[in-house]
Amino acid sequence: MKVTPTKLPEVLIIEPKVFGDSRGFFFESYNQRILEEALGRPMGFVQDNHSRSARGVLRGLHYQLPRAQGKLVRVVHGEVFDVAVDIRRDSPSFGQWEGGVLSADNKRQLWIPPGFAHGFLVLSEAAEVLYKTTDYWHPEHEQCIRWDDPTIGIPWPLEGVMPLVSAKDAAGKPLAEARVFALEDISR
C-alpha cells in the first residue's frame, strides 16, 4: 500500500498494491497497521457507509460538529470527484481544499481527517462509494457548507450543467457563516 500526503498533509491518498491476472485482481482495501503508521496514531473505525448515486449527483460538503468524523473513502463502482475541505478555524490551511478522482478502476482511497468537510460529484453513469468513519453518524450534529462557496473555490468538473443536490445540500451555509472546528472539537 502506498500512502501519499497531499498539499493538505493530513489528507492522504492511499493506493493499494493490486495483484491481477487473467482471472481478475486482489488487493488489501484496508490495513490498519499501515494507516496507523502513516498517521502516527491509532485508528478506530466504528461504521462503514455505502452510497449509490447517479451521474451529476453532488453530495456535500458534509461534516458533524461536534462528533467529528474521520473518513476513509473509496469507490467500488464508477467514478467520482472527491473533495476534502479544511474547516479547522486555527489551521494555516483553513478553507483550502484537496481533491481528485476516485474510481473503481484506479482503486485510490482518500483519508479525510476529523476537522474536514467532505463532498463528491459523480462523474460516471452511477457510482457506489464506501467509506469507513471514526465516529458514528449523529444526524443531530450534521452540518453542511455550500458546495459552490466561492471563498473555497472548488472547480467541480460539471461540464456546464448544474449538479443534482439534496434540499439539505442546497441549503448549506457559506463557509463564513458555518460552524467550524476549534482544536478542542477534534482533539478527543
N, C-alpha and C. Protein backbone atom coordinates (compact mmCIF):
# COMPACT_ATOMS: atom_id res chain seq x y z
N MET A 1 0.85 -1.17 0.00
CA MET A 1 0.00 0.00 0.00
C MET A 1 0.90 1.24 0.00
N LYS A 2 0.57 2.18 -0.88
CA LYS A 2 1.33 3.43 -0.95
C LYS A 2 0.48 4.53 -0.35
N VAL A 3 1.05 5.28 0.60
CA VAL A 3 0.34 6.37 1.27
C VAL A 3 1.06 7.67 0.92
N THR A 4 0.33 8.62 0.31
CA THR A 4 0.93 9.86 -0.15
C THR A 4 0.20 11.05 0.45
N PRO A 5 0.94 11.95 1.15
CA PRO A 5 0.30 13.19 1.61
C PRO A 5 -0.05 14.08 0.42
N THR A 6 -1.07 14.90 0.58
CA THR A 6 -1.49 15.85 -0.44
C THR A 6 -0.96 17.24 -0.06
N LYS A 7 -1.39 18.27 -0.77
CA LYS A 7 -0.98 19.63 -0.40
C LYS A 7 -1.50 20.00 0.99
N LEU A 8 -2.55 19.31 1.45
CA LEU A 8 -3.01 19.40 2.84
C LEU A 8 -2.49 18.14 3.50
N PRO A 9 -1.35 18.19 4.18
CA PRO A 9 -0.64 16.97 4.58
C PRO A 9 -1.42 15.97 5.41
N GLU A 10 -2.49 16.42 6.10
CA GLU A 10 -3.29 15.49 6.88
C GLU A 10 -4.20 14.64 5.99
N VAL A 11 -4.50 15.14 4.79
CA VAL A 11 -5.32 14.41 3.83
C VAL A 11 -4.39 13.52 3.02
N LEU A 12 -4.70 12.22 2.98
CA LEU A 12 -3.81 11.25 2.36
C LEU A 12 -4.48 10.53 1.20
N ILE A 13 -3.69 10.26 0.16
CA ILE A 13 -4.13 9.39 -0.92
C ILE A 13 -3.54 8.02 -0.64
N ILE A 14 -4.38 7.01 -0.65
CA ILE A 14 -3.94 5.65 -0.36
C ILE A 14 -4.16 4.81 -1.62
N GLU A 15 -3.07 4.20 -2.10
CA GLU A 15 -3.14 3.39 -3.31
C GLU A 15 -2.70 1.97 -2.97
N PRO A 16 -3.59 1.02 -3.11
CA PRO A 16 -3.25 -0.36 -2.78
C PRO A 16 -2.36 -0.98 -3.85
N LYS A 17 -1.62 -1.99 -3.45
CA LYS A 17 -0.89 -2.80 -4.42
C LYS A 17 -1.88 -3.84 -4.94
N VAL A 18 -2.10 -3.80 -6.25
CA VAL A 18 -3.10 -4.67 -6.87
C VAL A 18 -2.39 -5.84 -7.54
N PHE A 19 -2.85 -7.03 -7.23
CA PHE A 19 -2.33 -8.25 -7.84
C PHE A 19 -3.38 -8.72 -8.83
N GLY A 20 -3.05 -8.68 -10.13
CA GLY A 20 -4.02 -9.06 -11.13
C GLY A 20 -3.47 -10.06 -12.12
N ASP A 21 -4.36 -10.82 -12.68
CA ASP A 21 -4.02 -11.75 -13.76
C ASP A 21 -5.28 -11.97 -14.59
N SER A 22 -5.27 -12.97 -15.43
CA SER A 22 -6.40 -13.21 -16.33
C SER A 22 -7.70 -13.53 -15.59
N ARG A 23 -7.60 -13.91 -14.32
CA ARG A 23 -8.81 -14.25 -13.55
C ARG A 23 -9.46 -13.03 -12.93
N GLY A 24 -8.69 -11.94 -12.79
CA GLY A 24 -9.21 -10.76 -12.11
C GLY A 24 -8.12 -10.10 -11.29
N PHE A 25 -8.46 -9.65 -10.08
CA PHE A 25 -7.48 -8.98 -9.22
C PHE A 25 -7.78 -9.25 -7.76
N PHE A 26 -6.77 -8.92 -6.93
CA PHE A 26 -6.89 -8.97 -5.47
C PHE A 26 -6.09 -7.79 -4.93
N PHE A 27 -6.62 -7.14 -3.87
CA PHE A 27 -5.83 -6.14 -3.15
C PHE A 27 -6.40 -5.97 -1.75
N GLU A 28 -5.53 -5.50 -0.84
CA GLU A 28 -5.97 -5.14 0.51
C GLU A 28 -6.61 -3.76 0.40
N SER A 29 -7.87 -3.64 0.74
CA SER A 29 -8.52 -2.33 0.69
C SER A 29 -8.29 -1.55 1.99
N TYR A 30 -7.88 -2.22 3.03
CA TYR A 30 -7.62 -1.55 4.30
C TYR A 30 -6.60 -2.36 5.09
N ASN A 31 -5.61 -1.66 5.63
CA ASN A 31 -4.63 -2.28 6.50
C ASN A 31 -4.40 -1.31 7.65
N GLN A 32 -4.92 -1.65 8.81
CA GLN A 32 -4.87 -0.75 9.97
C GLN A 32 -3.44 -0.37 10.33
N ARG A 33 -2.53 -1.33 10.33
CA ARG A 33 -1.15 -1.06 10.71
C ARG A 33 -0.52 -0.01 9.79
N ILE A 34 -0.69 -0.16 8.48
CA ILE A 34 -0.09 0.78 7.53
C ILE A 34 -0.69 2.17 7.70
N LEU A 35 -2.01 2.26 7.86
CA LEU A 35 -2.64 3.56 8.04
C LEU A 35 -2.20 4.21 9.36
N GLU A 36 -2.14 3.44 10.42
CA GLU A 36 -1.70 3.99 11.70
C GLU A 36 -0.26 4.48 11.62
N GLU A 37 0.60 3.75 10.93
CA GLU A 37 1.99 4.20 10.75
C GLU A 37 2.03 5.51 9.97
N ALA A 38 1.22 5.63 8.93
CA ALA A 38 1.19 6.86 8.13
C ALA A 38 0.65 8.05 8.91
N LEU A 39 -0.34 7.80 9.77
CA LEU A 39 -0.94 8.88 10.55
C LEU A 39 -0.19 9.17 11.84
N GLY A 40 0.59 8.22 12.30
CA GLY A 40 1.31 8.40 13.56
C GLY A 40 0.43 8.33 14.78
N ARG A 41 -0.70 7.65 14.65
CA ARG A 41 -1.61 7.49 15.80
C ARG A 41 -2.53 6.31 15.56
N PRO A 42 -3.11 5.78 16.64
CA PRO A 42 -4.03 4.65 16.48
C PRO A 42 -5.30 5.07 15.74
N MET A 43 -5.87 4.11 15.02
CA MET A 43 -7.12 4.33 14.28
C MET A 43 -8.20 3.45 14.88
N GLY A 44 -9.39 3.93 14.79
CA GLY A 44 -10.52 3.12 15.21
C GLY A 44 -11.75 3.47 14.37
N PHE A 45 -12.07 2.62 13.43
CA PHE A 45 -13.28 2.85 12.63
C PHE A 45 -14.45 2.16 13.31
N VAL A 46 -15.60 2.83 13.33
CA VAL A 46 -16.77 2.30 14.03
C VAL A 46 -17.96 2.04 13.12
N GLN A 47 -17.89 2.54 11.87
CA GLN A 47 -19.05 2.43 10.99
C GLN A 47 -18.57 2.41 9.54
N ASP A 48 -19.21 1.59 8.71
CA ASP A 48 -18.99 1.60 7.26
C ASP A 48 -20.27 2.09 6.60
N ASN A 49 -20.13 3.00 5.63
CA ASN A 49 -21.27 3.55 4.90
C ASN A 49 -21.12 3.23 3.42
N HIS A 50 -22.24 3.09 2.74
CA HIS A 50 -22.25 2.74 1.32
C HIS A 50 -23.34 3.58 0.66
N SER A 51 -22.95 4.36 -0.35
CA SER A 51 -23.96 5.15 -1.07
C SER A 51 -23.88 4.85 -2.56
N ARG A 52 -25.00 4.98 -3.23
CA ARG A 52 -25.06 4.84 -4.68
C ARG A 52 -25.73 6.10 -5.20
N SER A 53 -25.14 6.67 -6.24
CA SER A 53 -25.67 7.91 -6.81
C SER A 53 -25.52 7.87 -8.32
N ALA A 54 -26.38 8.62 -9.00
CA ALA A 54 -26.37 8.72 -10.46
C ALA A 54 -25.43 9.84 -10.91
N ARG A 55 -25.11 9.84 -12.20
CA ARG A 55 -24.26 10.88 -12.79
C ARG A 55 -24.81 12.27 -12.44
N GLY A 56 -23.91 13.16 -12.09
CA GLY A 56 -24.28 14.53 -11.80
C GLY A 56 -24.73 14.80 -10.39
N VAL A 57 -24.88 13.75 -9.56
CA VAL A 57 -25.23 13.96 -8.16
C VAL A 57 -24.01 14.49 -7.42
N LEU A 58 -24.23 15.55 -6.66
CA LEU A 58 -23.18 16.13 -5.82
C LEU A 58 -23.65 16.03 -4.38
N ARG A 59 -22.85 15.39 -3.56
CA ARG A 59 -23.17 15.25 -2.14
C ARG A 59 -22.12 16.04 -1.36
N GLY A 60 -22.57 16.96 -0.51
CA GLY A 60 -21.62 17.69 0.33
C GLY A 60 -21.85 19.18 0.25
N LEU A 61 -21.07 19.82 1.01
CA LEU A 61 -19.88 19.43 1.79
C LEU A 61 -20.33 19.13 3.21
N HIS A 62 -20.18 17.89 3.65
CA HIS A 62 -20.75 17.41 4.90
C HIS A 62 -19.70 17.25 6.00
N TYR A 63 -20.16 17.41 7.24
CA TYR A 63 -19.36 17.12 8.42
C TYR A 63 -20.29 17.08 9.63
N GLN A 64 -19.78 16.61 10.74
CA GLN A 64 -20.53 16.61 12.01
C GLN A 64 -19.79 17.50 12.99
N LEU A 65 -20.55 18.33 13.72
CA LEU A 65 -19.96 19.17 14.77
C LEU A 65 -20.99 19.31 15.87
N PRO A 66 -20.69 18.85 17.07
CA PRO A 66 -19.48 18.09 17.45
C PRO A 66 -19.53 16.68 16.87
N ARG A 67 -18.71 15.82 17.43
CA ARG A 67 -18.61 14.41 17.00
C ARG A 67 -17.99 14.31 15.61
N ALA A 68 -16.85 14.98 15.44
CA ALA A 68 -16.13 14.98 14.16
C ALA A 68 -15.81 13.56 13.72
N GLN A 69 -15.94 13.32 12.43
CA GLN A 69 -15.64 12.01 11.85
C GLN A 69 -14.43 12.11 10.93
N GLY A 70 -13.51 11.16 11.07
CA GLY A 70 -12.54 10.92 10.03
C GLY A 70 -13.17 9.93 9.07
N LYS A 71 -12.82 10.04 7.76
CA LYS A 71 -13.43 9.15 6.76
C LYS A 71 -12.35 8.60 5.85
N LEU A 72 -12.42 7.32 5.60
CA LEU A 72 -11.59 6.65 4.60
C LEU A 72 -12.52 6.28 3.45
N VAL A 73 -12.37 6.97 2.31
CA VAL A 73 -13.34 6.92 1.22
C VAL A 73 -12.76 6.16 0.03
N ARG A 74 -13.59 5.29 -0.58
CA ARG A 74 -13.20 4.62 -1.82
C ARG A 74 -14.43 4.36 -2.67
N VAL A 75 -14.20 4.12 -3.95
CA VAL A 75 -15.27 3.88 -4.91
C VAL A 75 -15.15 2.44 -5.39
N VAL A 76 -16.26 1.70 -5.34
CA VAL A 76 -16.26 0.31 -5.78
C VAL A 76 -16.97 0.11 -7.12
N HIS A 77 -17.66 1.14 -7.57
CA HIS A 77 -18.30 1.10 -8.89
C HIS A 77 -18.37 2.53 -9.40
N GLY A 78 -17.84 2.77 -10.60
CA GLY A 78 -17.93 4.08 -11.20
C GLY A 78 -16.78 4.99 -10.82
N GLU A 79 -17.07 6.31 -10.86
CA GLU A 79 -16.02 7.31 -10.69
C GLU A 79 -16.61 8.58 -10.09
N VAL A 80 -15.88 9.17 -9.13
CA VAL A 80 -16.31 10.42 -8.51
C VAL A 80 -15.13 11.38 -8.43
N PHE A 81 -15.46 12.67 -8.34
CA PHE A 81 -14.50 13.70 -7.98
C PHE A 81 -14.73 13.93 -6.50
N ASP A 82 -13.76 13.56 -5.67
CA ASP A 82 -13.91 13.56 -4.21
C ASP A 82 -13.09 14.70 -3.61
N VAL A 83 -13.66 15.39 -2.61
CA VAL A 83 -13.07 16.61 -2.08
C VAL A 83 -13.08 16.62 -0.55
N ALA A 84 -11.99 17.14 0.03
CA ALA A 84 -11.91 17.42 1.46
C ALA A 84 -11.57 18.90 1.63
N VAL A 85 -12.25 19.57 2.56
CA VAL A 85 -12.02 20.99 2.82
C VAL A 85 -11.64 21.15 4.29
N ASP A 86 -10.53 21.83 4.55
CA ASP A 86 -10.06 22.08 5.91
C ASP A 86 -10.96 23.15 6.54
N ILE A 87 -11.68 22.78 7.59
CA ILE A 87 -12.54 23.74 8.28
C ILE A 87 -12.17 23.83 9.76
N ARG A 88 -10.87 23.71 10.03
CA ARG A 88 -10.34 23.92 11.38
C ARG A 88 -9.95 25.39 11.49
N ARG A 89 -10.68 26.13 12.26
CA ARG A 89 -10.56 27.59 12.37
C ARG A 89 -9.12 28.08 12.50
N ASP A 90 -8.30 27.43 13.29
CA ASP A 90 -6.94 27.91 13.54
C ASP A 90 -5.89 27.26 12.66
N SER A 91 -6.30 26.52 11.67
CA SER A 91 -5.37 25.85 10.77
C SER A 91 -4.81 26.83 9.75
N PRO A 92 -3.51 26.72 9.42
CA PRO A 92 -2.96 27.58 8.36
C PRO A 92 -3.58 27.30 7.00
N SER A 93 -4.23 26.14 6.84
CA SER A 93 -4.86 25.82 5.55
C SER A 93 -6.39 25.91 5.63
N PHE A 94 -6.90 26.68 6.61
CA PHE A 94 -8.35 26.84 6.77
C PHE A 94 -8.98 27.30 5.45
N GLY A 95 -10.05 26.62 5.03
CA GLY A 95 -10.77 26.98 3.81
C GLY A 95 -10.16 26.43 2.53
N GLN A 96 -9.01 25.78 2.63
CA GLN A 96 -8.40 25.18 1.44
C GLN A 96 -8.95 23.78 1.23
N TRP A 97 -8.89 23.34 -0.01
CA TRP A 97 -9.44 22.04 -0.37
C TRP A 97 -8.41 21.19 -1.07
N GLU A 98 -8.66 19.89 -1.05
CA GLU A 98 -7.87 18.90 -1.78
C GLU A 98 -8.86 17.93 -2.38
N GLY A 99 -8.58 17.46 -3.57
CA GLY A 99 -9.49 16.52 -4.17
C GLY A 99 -8.90 15.87 -5.40
N GLY A 100 -9.62 14.89 -5.88
CA GLY A 100 -9.21 14.19 -7.08
C GLY A 100 -10.20 13.10 -7.41
N VAL A 101 -9.89 12.39 -8.48
CA VAL A 101 -10.77 11.33 -8.95
C VAL A 101 -10.49 10.04 -8.20
N LEU A 102 -11.54 9.47 -7.65
CA LEU A 102 -11.52 8.13 -7.08
C LEU A 102 -12.41 7.28 -7.97
N SER A 103 -11.94 6.08 -8.30
CA SER A 103 -12.74 5.24 -9.17
C SER A 103 -12.54 3.76 -8.85
N ALA A 104 -13.45 2.96 -9.34
CA ALA A 104 -13.29 1.51 -9.21
C ALA A 104 -12.05 1.06 -9.97
N ASP A 105 -11.72 1.75 -11.05
CA ASP A 105 -10.53 1.38 -11.84
C ASP A 105 -9.22 1.75 -11.15
N ASN A 106 -9.10 2.99 -10.63
CA ASN A 106 -7.81 3.38 -10.02
C ASN A 106 -7.65 2.90 -8.59
N LYS A 107 -8.73 2.50 -7.95
CA LYS A 107 -8.73 1.90 -6.61
C LYS A 107 -8.11 2.79 -5.54
N ARG A 108 -7.94 4.07 -5.83
CA ARG A 108 -7.41 5.01 -4.84
C ARG A 108 -8.45 5.26 -3.76
N GLN A 109 -7.92 5.60 -2.57
CA GLN A 109 -8.76 5.97 -1.45
C GLN A 109 -8.30 7.33 -0.95
N LEU A 110 -9.18 8.05 -0.27
CA LEU A 110 -8.83 9.33 0.31
C LEU A 110 -9.11 9.27 1.80
N TRP A 111 -8.09 9.61 2.60
CA TRP A 111 -8.26 9.73 4.04
C TRP A 111 -8.59 11.19 4.32
N ILE A 112 -9.76 11.41 4.92
CA ILE A 112 -10.23 12.75 5.28
C ILE A 112 -10.29 12.79 6.80
N PRO A 113 -9.38 13.52 7.44
CA PRO A 113 -9.33 13.50 8.90
C PRO A 113 -10.48 14.30 9.54
N PRO A 114 -10.72 14.07 10.84
CA PRO A 114 -11.68 14.91 11.55
C PRO A 114 -11.26 16.37 11.42
N GLY A 115 -12.26 17.25 11.29
CA GLY A 115 -11.97 18.66 11.11
C GLY A 115 -12.05 19.11 9.66
N PHE A 116 -12.43 18.19 8.77
CA PHE A 116 -12.55 18.50 7.35
C PHE A 116 -13.97 18.19 6.90
N ALA A 117 -14.48 19.00 5.97
CA ALA A 117 -15.76 18.71 5.32
C ALA A 117 -15.49 17.83 4.10
N HIS A 118 -16.48 17.06 3.70
CA HIS A 118 -16.31 16.09 2.61
C HIS A 118 -17.46 16.21 1.62
N GLY A 119 -17.12 16.06 0.33
CA GLY A 119 -18.13 16.03 -0.70
C GLY A 119 -17.63 15.31 -1.93
N PHE A 120 -18.56 14.90 -2.78
CA PHE A 120 -18.15 14.28 -4.05
C PHE A 120 -19.20 14.51 -5.12
N LEU A 121 -18.72 14.49 -6.38
CA LEU A 121 -19.54 14.62 -7.57
C LEU A 121 -19.39 13.35 -8.38
N VAL A 122 -20.50 12.75 -8.79
CA VAL A 122 -20.46 11.52 -9.58
C VAL A 122 -20.19 11.86 -11.05
N LEU A 123 -19.12 11.27 -11.59
CA LEU A 123 -18.69 11.52 -12.96
C LEU A 123 -19.16 10.44 -13.94
N SER A 124 -19.42 9.24 -13.46
CA SER A 124 -19.84 8.11 -14.29
C SER A 124 -21.36 8.02 -14.30
N GLU A 125 -21.91 7.06 -15.06
CA GLU A 125 -23.37 6.89 -15.09
C GLU A 125 -23.95 6.67 -13.70
N ALA A 126 -23.21 5.95 -12.86
CA ALA A 126 -23.57 5.74 -11.46
C ALA A 126 -22.27 5.47 -10.72
N ALA A 127 -22.30 5.67 -9.42
CA ALA A 127 -21.12 5.36 -8.61
C ALA A 127 -21.57 4.86 -7.25
N GLU A 128 -20.79 3.91 -6.74
CA GLU A 128 -21.01 3.42 -5.38
C GLU A 128 -19.77 3.77 -4.58
N VAL A 129 -20.01 4.49 -3.49
CA VAL A 129 -18.94 4.98 -2.63
C VAL A 129 -19.06 4.29 -1.28
N LEU A 130 -17.94 3.75 -0.81
CA LEU A 130 -17.86 3.16 0.53
C LEU A 130 -16.94 4.03 1.37
N TYR A 131 -17.32 4.23 2.61
CA TYR A 131 -16.39 4.92 3.49
C TYR A 131 -16.54 4.47 4.93
N LYS A 132 -15.38 4.34 5.55
CA LYS A 132 -15.29 4.00 6.96
C LYS A 132 -15.26 5.31 7.75
N THR A 133 -15.87 5.33 8.93
CA THR A 133 -15.85 6.54 9.75
C THR A 133 -15.32 6.24 11.15
N THR A 134 -14.72 7.26 11.74
CA THR A 134 -14.14 7.12 13.08
C THR A 134 -15.12 7.44 14.19
N ASP A 135 -16.31 7.91 13.84
CA ASP A 135 -17.37 8.11 14.83
C ASP A 135 -18.69 7.75 14.14
N TYR A 136 -19.68 7.48 14.95
CA TYR A 136 -20.99 7.10 14.44
C TYR A 136 -21.69 8.31 13.82
N TRP A 137 -22.66 8.03 12.96
CA TRP A 137 -23.49 9.08 12.39
C TRP A 137 -24.42 9.61 13.47
N HIS A 138 -24.42 10.91 13.64
CA HIS A 138 -25.30 11.59 14.59
C HIS A 138 -26.07 12.65 13.82
N PRO A 139 -27.27 12.34 13.34
CA PRO A 139 -27.99 13.28 12.48
C PRO A 139 -28.19 14.65 13.13
N GLU A 140 -28.29 14.68 14.44
CA GLU A 140 -28.49 15.97 15.12
C GLU A 140 -27.25 16.87 15.06
N HIS A 141 -26.12 16.31 14.67
CA HIS A 141 -24.87 17.09 14.57
C HIS A 141 -24.44 17.35 13.12
N GLU A 142 -25.26 16.94 12.16
CA GLU A 142 -24.90 17.14 10.75
C GLU A 142 -24.80 18.62 10.43
N GLN A 143 -23.80 18.95 9.64
CA GLN A 143 -23.58 20.31 9.16
C GLN A 143 -23.30 20.23 7.67
N CYS A 144 -23.53 21.34 6.97
CA CYS A 144 -23.29 21.37 5.53
C CYS A 144 -22.83 22.76 5.10
N ILE A 145 -21.75 22.79 4.36
CA ILE A 145 -21.25 24.01 3.73
C ILE A 145 -21.62 23.93 2.26
N ARG A 146 -21.99 25.06 1.68
CA ARG A 146 -22.38 25.09 0.26
C ARG A 146 -21.27 24.55 -0.61
N TRP A 147 -21.64 23.68 -1.52
CA TRP A 147 -20.70 23.06 -2.44
C TRP A 147 -20.06 24.08 -3.37
N ASP A 148 -20.77 25.18 -3.63
CA ASP A 148 -20.29 26.18 -4.59
C ASP A 148 -19.82 27.47 -3.93
N ASP A 149 -19.42 27.39 -2.66
CA ASP A 149 -18.95 28.57 -1.95
C ASP A 149 -17.74 29.16 -2.68
N PRO A 150 -17.83 30.41 -3.14
CA PRO A 150 -16.72 30.99 -3.91
C PRO A 150 -15.46 31.22 -3.07
N THR A 151 -15.60 31.32 -1.75
CA THR A 151 -14.38 31.51 -0.94
C THR A 151 -13.54 30.23 -0.88
N ILE A 152 -14.18 29.08 -1.09
CA ILE A 152 -13.44 27.82 -1.15
C ILE A 152 -12.96 27.61 -2.59
N GLY A 153 -13.83 27.84 -3.54
CA GLY A 153 -13.44 27.83 -4.95
C GLY A 153 -13.11 26.47 -5.55
N ILE A 154 -13.90 25.47 -5.23
CA ILE A 154 -13.65 24.14 -5.80
C ILE A 154 -14.08 24.15 -7.27
N PRO A 155 -13.19 23.78 -8.18
CA PRO A 155 -13.56 23.72 -9.60
C PRO A 155 -14.20 22.38 -9.95
N TRP A 156 -15.42 22.17 -9.51
CA TRP A 156 -16.11 20.91 -9.76
C TRP A 156 -16.18 20.67 -11.27
N PRO A 157 -15.87 19.48 -11.74
CA PRO A 157 -15.93 19.19 -13.18
C PRO A 157 -17.37 18.95 -13.65
N LEU A 158 -18.13 20.03 -13.77
CA LEU A 158 -19.56 19.95 -14.05
C LEU A 158 -19.90 19.99 -15.54
N GLU A 159 -18.96 20.31 -16.37
CA GLU A 159 -19.19 20.34 -17.82
C GLU A 159 -20.41 21.20 -18.19
N GLY A 160 -20.56 22.34 -17.50
CA GLY A 160 -21.60 23.30 -17.85
C GLY A 160 -23.00 22.96 -17.39
N VAL A 161 -23.18 21.93 -16.59
CA VAL A 161 -24.52 21.59 -16.09
C VAL A 161 -24.57 21.76 -14.58
N MET A 162 -25.74 22.01 -14.08
CA MET A 162 -25.91 22.11 -12.63
C MET A 162 -25.97 20.71 -12.02
N PRO A 163 -25.34 20.51 -10.87
CA PRO A 163 -25.40 19.20 -10.23
C PRO A 163 -26.77 18.95 -9.60
N LEU A 164 -27.05 17.69 -9.35
CA LEU A 164 -28.25 17.31 -8.60
C LEU A 164 -27.86 17.27 -7.13
N VAL A 165 -28.50 18.11 -6.32
CA VAL A 165 -28.19 18.17 -4.90
C VAL A 165 -29.46 17.99 -4.09
N SER A 166 -29.30 17.51 -2.87
CA SER A 166 -30.44 17.35 -1.96
C SER A 166 -30.87 18.73 -1.45
N ALA A 167 -32.06 18.79 -0.89
CA ALA A 167 -32.55 20.04 -0.29
C ALA A 167 -31.60 20.48 0.82
N LYS A 168 -31.10 19.51 1.60
CA LYS A 168 -30.16 19.83 2.69
C LYS A 168 -28.90 20.47 2.13
N ASP A 169 -28.37 19.91 1.05
CA ASP A 169 -27.14 20.45 0.48
C ASP A 169 -27.37 21.81 -0.18
N ALA A 170 -28.53 22.00 -0.80
CA ALA A 170 -28.86 23.29 -1.41
C ALA A 170 -28.96 24.38 -0.35
N ALA A 171 -29.33 23.99 0.88
CA ALA A 171 -29.46 24.95 1.98
C ALA A 171 -28.18 25.09 2.79
N GLY A 172 -27.09 24.50 2.33
CA GLY A 172 -25.82 24.61 3.05
C GLY A 172 -25.40 26.06 3.22
N LYS A 173 -24.63 26.31 4.27
CA LYS A 173 -24.20 27.67 4.58
C LYS A 173 -22.88 27.98 3.89
N PRO A 174 -22.64 29.25 3.59
CA PRO A 174 -21.30 29.63 3.14
C PRO A 174 -20.30 29.39 4.28
N LEU A 175 -19.06 29.15 3.94
CA LEU A 175 -18.04 28.91 4.96
C LEU A 175 -18.00 30.03 5.99
N ALA A 176 -18.17 31.28 5.58
CA ALA A 176 -18.10 32.42 6.50
C ALA A 176 -19.20 32.38 7.56
N GLU A 177 -20.30 31.67 7.31
CA GLU A 177 -21.41 31.59 8.26
C GLU A 177 -21.51 30.23 8.95
N ALA A 178 -20.72 29.28 8.53
CA ALA A 178 -20.82 27.91 9.04
C ALA A 178 -20.14 27.76 10.39
N ARG A 179 -20.65 26.81 11.17
CA ARG A 179 -19.94 26.40 12.38
C ARG A 179 -18.71 25.63 11.93
N VAL A 180 -17.56 25.97 12.46
CA VAL A 180 -16.32 25.29 12.09
C VAL A 180 -15.64 24.77 13.35
N PHE A 181 -14.61 23.99 13.14
CA PHE A 181 -13.95 23.30 14.24
C PHE A 181 -12.94 24.17 14.96
N ALA A 182 -12.93 24.06 16.28
CA ALA A 182 -11.84 24.54 17.12
C ALA A 182 -11.03 23.32 17.50
N LEU A 183 -9.82 23.52 17.96
CA LEU A 183 -8.95 22.41 18.30
C LEU A 183 -9.61 21.42 19.27
N GLU A 184 -10.33 21.94 20.25
CA GLU A 184 -10.96 21.05 21.24
C GLU A 184 -12.08 20.19 20.63
N ASP A 185 -12.61 20.60 19.49
CA ASP A 185 -13.66 19.82 18.82
C ASP A 185 -13.13 18.53 18.22
N ILE A 186 -11.84 18.48 17.92
CA ILE A 186 -11.29 17.31 17.22
C ILE A 186 -10.16 16.64 17.96
N SER A 187 -9.84 17.08 19.15
CA SER A 187 -8.68 16.53 19.87
C SER A 187 -9.02 15.33 20.74
N ARG A 188 -10.26 14.90 20.74
CA ARG A 188 -10.62 13.79 21.62
C ARG A 188 -10.15 12.47 21.10
